[in-house]
Amino acid sequence: MASFASCNKTDLFLLLALLSASASAAASAASFYRDVDITWGDGRAKVLDNGRLLTLSLDQSSGSGFQSKNRYVYGRFDVQLKLVPGNSAGTVTTFYLSPEGAMHDEIDLEFLGNLSGDPYVLHTNVFSQGKGNREQQFFLWFDPAKNFHTYSVLWNPKHIVFYVDGTPIREFKNRESMGVPYPTNQAMRIYSSLWDADDWATRGGLVKTDWSKAPFTAAFRSFLLLLRQQLLDVAGVGCYQLEEDEVGAAQLHDLRLLH
């Protein structure tokens, strides 16, 4: 058991929502009215089904996005997402964590649109103290536009792990002892967006967005958080307690690593 001796806050809480393999249970736990703010898109982002569904849309004028109402230091963050169907080339759907301070930290999942019939590319990255260049890309092994799938980020003092449907696909370990920056002391919000990036997203920008297919729409059905603490302020990171056998990534899925 690892802990921070400097902790002076004791109001830890167990759950905002229980992680569940059941899609119906997960859906009932979500409330986009309660958990997020729509931040841009001029009506292109919509909360539906009594707060259990959120859609983001993109047309030639604008995309759309939302952010979490709260900020967090450490936790597991799950979202159930159905990506843009059909010819989604040029579009990017994102789910990421980032702080509001001047120093750039970011834990990034980006889904790069494709031509019909081609696999979606999942682009992952970790920024810490302004340092990035840690991209890894994977082909998804299913059609993520047909059904909802669960995408997760585990962030704790040991490591960052990216998951697809509960399967760990990438692990970024804390190597601060070796001089590698790691996001530890900035509270982060959760962000998501759908936007046009046809200058690079599909085949390096060779395939452009087909606006005759617009509007493009991605749907979010669940927004679940498993946290160790309620964030009171940035100094509250000292309250985090890490259990010895917390979720790890001993075996990563055998995906084709693109980059």
Protein backbone atom coordinates (compact mmCIF):
# COMPACT_ATOMS: atom_id res chain seq x y z
CA MET A 1 0.00 0.00 0.00
CA ALA A 2 1.40 3.36 -1.02
CA SER A 3 0.13 6.62 0.45
CA PHE A 4 1.08 10.26 0.93
CA ALA A 5 2.03 11.15 4.50
CA SER A 6 1.26 14.82 3.85
CA CYS A 7 -2.45 14.15 3.37
CA ASN A 8 -4.59 16.48 5.47
CA LYS A 9 -7.94 15.81 3.81
CA THR A 10 -9.92 12.75 4.88
CA ASP A 11 -13.12 13.00 2.89
CA LEU A 12 -12.39 10.23 0.41
CA PHE A 13 -15.37 8.85 -1.42
CA LEU A 14 -15.83 5.48 -3.05
CA LEU A 15 -17.72 6.01 -6.31
CA LEU A 16 -19.45 8.42 -8.60
CA ALA A 17 -20.66 5.33 -10.46
CA LEU A 18 -19.93 1.61 -10.26
CA LEU A 19 -17.99 0.24 -13.19
CA SER A 20 -20.14 -2.46 -14.71
CA ALA A 21 -19.91 -4.91 -17.57
CA SER A 22 -23.64 -4.53 -18.05
CA ALA A 23 -24.51 -1.94 -20.67
CA SER A 24 -27.92 -1.32 -19.12
CA ALA A 25 -26.46 -0.79 -15.66
CA ALA A 26 -23.82 1.54 -17.04
CA ALA A 27 -26.42 3.55 -18.94
CA SER A 28 -28.58 3.99 -15.86
CA ALA A 29 -25.63 5.39 -13.93
CA ALA A 30 -24.83 8.14 -16.41
CA SER A 31 -26.15 11.70 -16.22
CA PHE A 32 -24.72 14.11 -18.73
CA TYR A 33 -26.90 16.87 -17.25
CA ARG A 34 -25.17 16.35 -13.92
CA ASP A 35 -21.61 15.58 -14.99
CA VAL A 36 -20.73 17.74 -18.02
CA ASP A 37 -21.06 21.17 -19.60
CA ILE A 38 -21.45 21.62 -23.34
CA THR A 39 -18.74 24.14 -24.17
CA TRP A 40 -18.98 24.80 -27.89
CA GLY A 41 -20.83 23.91 -31.08
CA ASP A 42 -23.80 26.32 -31.14
CA GLY A 43 -26.44 23.63 -30.67
CA ARG A 44 -24.55 20.81 -32.37
CA ALA A 45 -24.07 19.01 -29.05
CA LYS A 46 -27.25 17.61 -27.54
CA VAL A 47 -28.12 15.83 -24.28
CA LEU A 48 -30.94 13.34 -24.83
CA ASP A 49 -32.86 10.53 -23.11
CA ASN A 50 -33.09 12.28 -19.72
CA GLY A 51 -29.33 12.80 -19.55
CA ARG A 52 -28.31 9.28 -20.51
CA LEU A 53 -27.16 10.10 -24.05
CA LEU A 54 -25.04 12.90 -25.51
CA THR A 55 -24.41 13.44 -29.21
CA LEU A 56 -21.75 15.59 -30.85
CA SER A 57 -22.15 16.72 -34.46
CA LEU A 58 -19.87 18.22 -37.08
CA ASP A 59 -20.77 20.10 -40.24
CA GLN A 60 -18.82 22.39 -42.51
CA SER A 61 -19.38 25.35 -40.19
CA SER A 62 -18.38 23.86 -36.84
CA GLY A 63 -17.82 20.84 -34.66
CA SER A 64 -18.85 20.55 -31.00
CA GLY A 65 -17.58 19.52 -27.59
CA PHE A 66 -18.13 19.17 -23.86
CA GLN A 67 -16.12 19.05 -20.63
CA SER A 68 -16.63 17.62 -17.16
CA LYS A 69 -17.99 19.94 -14.50
CA ASN A 70 -15.39 18.71 -12.01
CA ARG A 71 -11.62 18.33 -12.02
CA TYR A 72 -9.84 15.20 -10.87
CA VAL A 73 -6.46 13.97 -9.69
CA TYR A 74 -6.23 10.23 -10.41
CA GLY A 75 -8.99 7.77 -11.15
CA ARG A 76 -10.42 5.52 -13.81
CA PHE A 77 -12.47 7.27 -16.47
CA ASP A 78 -14.81 5.27 -18.72
CA VAL A 79 -16.91 6.43 -21.65
CA GLN A 80 -19.22 4.39 -23.85
CA LEU A 81 -18.96 5.75 -27.37
CA LYS A 82 -20.37 5.01 -30.81
CA LEU A 83 -18.23 6.67 -33.47
CA VAL A 84 -19.19 8.40 -36.72
CA PRO A 85 -20.47 5.76 -39.19
CA GLY A 86 -19.84 5.42 -42.91
CA ASN A 87 -17.35 7.69 -44.63
CA SER A 88 -15.92 9.57 -41.63
CA ALA A 89 -12.61 10.49 -43.30
CA GLY A 90 -11.14 13.72 -41.98
CA THR A 91 -13.11 13.69 -38.73
CA VAL A 92 -11.61 13.25 -35.27
CA THR A 93 -13.56 12.26 -32.15
CA THR A 94 -11.67 12.86 -28.90
CA PHE A 95 -11.82 11.83 -25.25
CA TYR A 96 -9.02 13.24 -23.11
CA LEU A 97 -7.94 14.69 -19.78
CA SER A 98 -6.21 18.06 -19.49
CA PRO A 99 -5.64 20.73 -16.81
CA GLU A 100 -6.37 24.43 -17.02
CA GLY A 101 -2.93 25.61 -15.91
CA ALA A 102 -0.13 27.00 -18.04
CA MET A 103 1.86 23.75 -17.92
CA HIS A 104 0.52 21.36 -20.55
CA ASP A 105 -0.44 17.89 -19.32
CA GLU A 106 -2.76 15.71 -21.39
CA ILE A 107 -3.90 12.08 -21.56
CA ASP A 108 -5.32 11.62 -25.00
CA LEU A 109 -7.59 9.25 -26.94
CA GLU A 110 -8.35 10.37 -30.50
CA PHE A 111 -10.38 8.34 -33.01
CA LEU A 112 -9.36 9.11 -36.58
CA GLY A 113 -12.12 8.82 -39.16
CA ASN A 114 -11.88 6.50 -42.13
CA LEU A 115 -13.23 5.71 -45.55
CA SER A 116 -16.12 3.25 -45.47
CA GLY A 117 -14.77 -0.24 -44.96
CA ASP A 118 -11.39 0.82 -43.58
CA PRO A 119 -10.59 0.33 -39.87
CA TYR A 120 -10.71 3.24 -37.46
CA VAL A 121 -7.36 4.33 -36.05
CA LEU A 122 -7.08 4.96 -32.30
CA HIS A 123 -4.42 7.61 -31.60
CA THR A 124 -3.06 7.78 -28.02
CA ASN A 125 -0.70 10.30 -26.49
CA VAL A 126 0.57 11.51 -23.11
CA PHE A 127 1.81 15.05 -22.49
CA SER A 128 3.51 16.03 -19.24
CA GLN A 129 5.03 19.39 -18.36
CA GLY A 130 4.70 20.39 -21.98
CA LYS A 131 6.55 17.35 -23.31
CA GLY A 132 4.74 15.09 -25.77
CA ASN A 133 5.94 13.05 -28.73
CA ARG A 134 4.60 9.88 -27.10
CA GLU A 135 2.07 8.99 -29.76
CA GLN A 136 1.04 5.42 -30.38
CA GLN A 137 -1.64 4.44 -32.89
CA PHE A 138 -3.65 1.24 -33.23
CA PHE A 139 -6.17 -0.19 -35.67
CA LEU A 140 -9.37 -1.05 -33.81
CA TRP A 141 -10.28 -4.70 -34.35
CA PHE A 142 -14.03 -4.05 -34.75
CA ASP A 143 -16.35 -1.49 -36.33
CA PRO A 144 -16.72 1.15 -33.58
CA ALA A 145 -19.61 2.83 -35.41
CA LYS A 146 -22.02 -0.13 -35.26
CA ASN A 147 -22.37 -0.39 -31.49
CA PHE A 148 -21.29 1.34 -28.30
CA HIS A 149 -17.89 0.32 -26.96
CA THR A 150 -16.19 1.29 -23.70
CA TYR A 151 -12.95 3.30 -23.78
CA SER A 152 -11.11 3.91 -20.53
CA VAL A 153 -8.14 5.69 -19.01
CA LEU A 154 -6.66 4.61 -15.68
CA TRP A 155 -4.43 7.34 -14.21
CA ASN A 156 -2.65 6.81 -10.90
CA PRO A 157 0.83 7.46 -9.44
CA LYS A 158 2.16 4.19 -10.89
CA HIS A 159 1.07 4.38 -14.50
CA ILE A 160 -1.45 5.43 -17.14
CA VAL A 161 -3.29 2.58 -18.87
CA PHE A 162 -5.54 2.85 -21.93
CA TYR A 163 -8.33 0.28 -22.33
CA VAL A 164 -10.76 -0.76 -25.05
CA ASP A 165 -13.74 -2.78 -23.78
CA GLY A 166 -11.77 -3.64 -20.65
CA THR A 167 -8.70 -4.82 -22.55
CA PRO A 168 -5.51 -2.84 -21.80
CA ILE A 169 -3.85 -1.73 -25.04
CA ARG A 170 -1.17 0.66 -23.80
CA GLU A 171 0.68 1.37 -20.56
CA PHE A 172 2.70 4.50 -19.81
CA LYS A 173 4.68 3.99 -16.60
CA ASN A 174 5.75 6.68 -14.16
CA ARG A 175 9.50 7.08 -14.77
CA GLU A 176 10.01 10.33 -12.89
CA SER A 177 12.89 8.71 -11.02
CA MET A 178 14.63 8.47 -14.41
CA GLY A 179 13.91 12.08 -15.35
CA VAL A 180 10.83 11.40 -17.51
CA PRO A 181 8.01 13.89 -16.75
CA TYR A 182 4.76 12.36 -15.52
CA PRO A 183 1.43 14.11 -14.80
CA THR A 184 1.11 14.11 -11.02
CA ASN A 185 0.29 17.54 -9.61
CA GLN A 186 -2.35 19.15 -11.81
CA ALA A 187 -6.05 18.47 -11.56
CA MET A 188 -7.61 17.63 -14.92
CA ARG A 189 -11.00 17.97 -16.52
CA ILE A 190 -12.36 15.43 -18.97
CA TYR A 191 -12.96 16.78 -22.46
CA SER A 192 -14.53 15.41 -25.60
CA SER A 193 -15.01 16.87 -29.06
CA LEU A 194 -15.82 16.10 -32.68
CA TRP A 195 -13.96 18.25 -35.18
CA ASP A 196 -12.54 18.43 -38.69
CA ALA A 197 -8.85 17.57 -39.09
CA ASP A 198 -8.66 16.54 -42.73
CA ASP A 199 -5.20 18.08 -43.05
CA TRP A 200 -3.77 15.07 -41.16
CA ALA A 201 -6.37 12.67 -39.74
CA THR A 202 -6.94 10.16 -42.55
CA ARG A 203 -3.95 8.71 -44.38
CA GLY A 204 -1.84 11.66 -43.35
CA GLY A 205 -4.27 14.17 -44.84
CA LEU A 206 -4.48 12.58 -48.28
CA VAL A 207 -8.18 11.82 -47.83
CA LYS A 208 -10.31 14.90 -47.22
CA THR A 209 -13.65 15.30 -45.49
CA ASP A 210 -16.63 14.65 -47.76
CA TRP A 211 -19.01 17.37 -46.63
CA SER A 212 -21.84 15.87 -48.67
CA LYS A 213 -21.99 13.24 -45.88
CA ALA A 214 -22.44 15.86 -43.14
CA PRO A 215 -23.61 16.22 -40.48
CA PHE A 216 -21.30 13.67 -38.86
CA THR A 217 -22.45 12.45 -35.44
CA ALA A 218 -20.83 10.55 -32.57
CA ALA A 219 -22.86 9.33 -29.57
CA PHE A 220 -21.86 9.00 -25.91
CA ARG A 221 -24.01 6.73 -23.75
CA SER A 222 -22.16 6.55 -20.47
CA PHE A 223 -19.72 8.62 -18.46
CA LEU A 224 -18.42 6.69 -15.46
CA LEU A 225 -15.77 7.62 -12.93
CA LEU A 226 -14.09 5.44 -10.32
CA LEU A 227 -12.17 7.76 -8.04
CA ARG A 228 -10.00 7.54 -4.96
CA GLN A 229 -10.85 11.00 -3.69
CA GLN A 230 -12.99 14.03 -4.15
CA LEU A 231 -10.85 16.87 -5.41
CA LEU A 232 -10.83 19.82 -3.01
CA ASP A 233 -7.83 21.62 -4.47
CA VAL A 234 -4.65 20.72 -6.31
CA ALA A 235 -2.88 20.09 -3.03
CA GLY A 236 -5.47 17.37 -2.41
CA VAL A 237 -3.35 15.05 -4.52
CA GLY A 238 -1.64 14.23 -1.24
CA CYS A 239 -4.76 12.33 -0.19
CA TYR A 240 -4.50 9.74 -2.90
CA GLN A 241 -3.95 6.19 -1.68
CA LEU A 242 -2.74 3.57 -4.13
CA GLU A 243 -3.48 -0.08 -3.51
CA GLU A 244 -0.75 -2.59 -4.21
CA ASP A 245 -2.68 -4.59 -6.81
CA GLU A 246 -4.62 -1.81 -8.48
CA VAL A 247 -5.59 -2.40 -12.11
CA GLY A 248 -2.51 -3.05 -14.22
CA ALA A 249 -1.50 -3.94 -17.75
CA ALA A 250 0.48 -7.14 -17.48
CA GLN A 251 -0.65 -8.25 -20.91
CA LEU A 252 -1.48 -5.76 -23.64
CA HIS A 253 -3.78 -6.71 -26.48
CA ASP A 254 -1.97 -7.95 -29.56
CA LEU A 255 -2.83 -5.03 -31.83
CA ARG A 256 -1.05 -3.76 -34.87
CA LEU A 257 1.02 -0.82 -33.63
CA LEU A 258 0.96 1.85 -36.32
CA HIS A 259 3.18 4.58 -34.92
